[in-house]
Amino acid sequence: MESSLETVINEWHASVNEGDPQRSARAVGDPIVVLGPKGAGPITPEQFAEWVERSGIKLVPRSWHPVGDRLMVVEEDATWPDSDTPTRVATVFRATAGKVTAALRLPVRSALELAYICREMAASE
């Protein structure tokens, strides 16, 4: 049985992989915090949808690492329109109220370390 967190993340992947800007905007919170090779910070759903359309990225989930009720690290094979072979990356996802509110793309080990640190910080508040 799929968890609600997995359902939200699966919808995010489906919207990104289809390159559907409207669906992508609906899959994320306002704002969504992003991290990738070109920067980090909060962006609007509309800005996220523009990135989906502009980047042409495809992210195929390969391995799921639950970190908490709202955090999950997903290892993915990433491809771009000009790439011939996939690159293994990982995304730290946070979800709130049925939407992805953070998508932080990092190397796999760094993603797992960051997710566990975030979990411990939240638990100690």
Foldseek 3Di string as FASTA:
>chain_A
DDDLLRVLVVQCLVCLQVLPLVSNLVSADAWAWEADPVGTDTDHSNVRSVCSNVFQKHWAFDDWADQDPFWIKTWTFIDTPPDDGTDTWIWIFGDDPSHTRYTYIGHPVVSVVVSNVVVVVVVVD
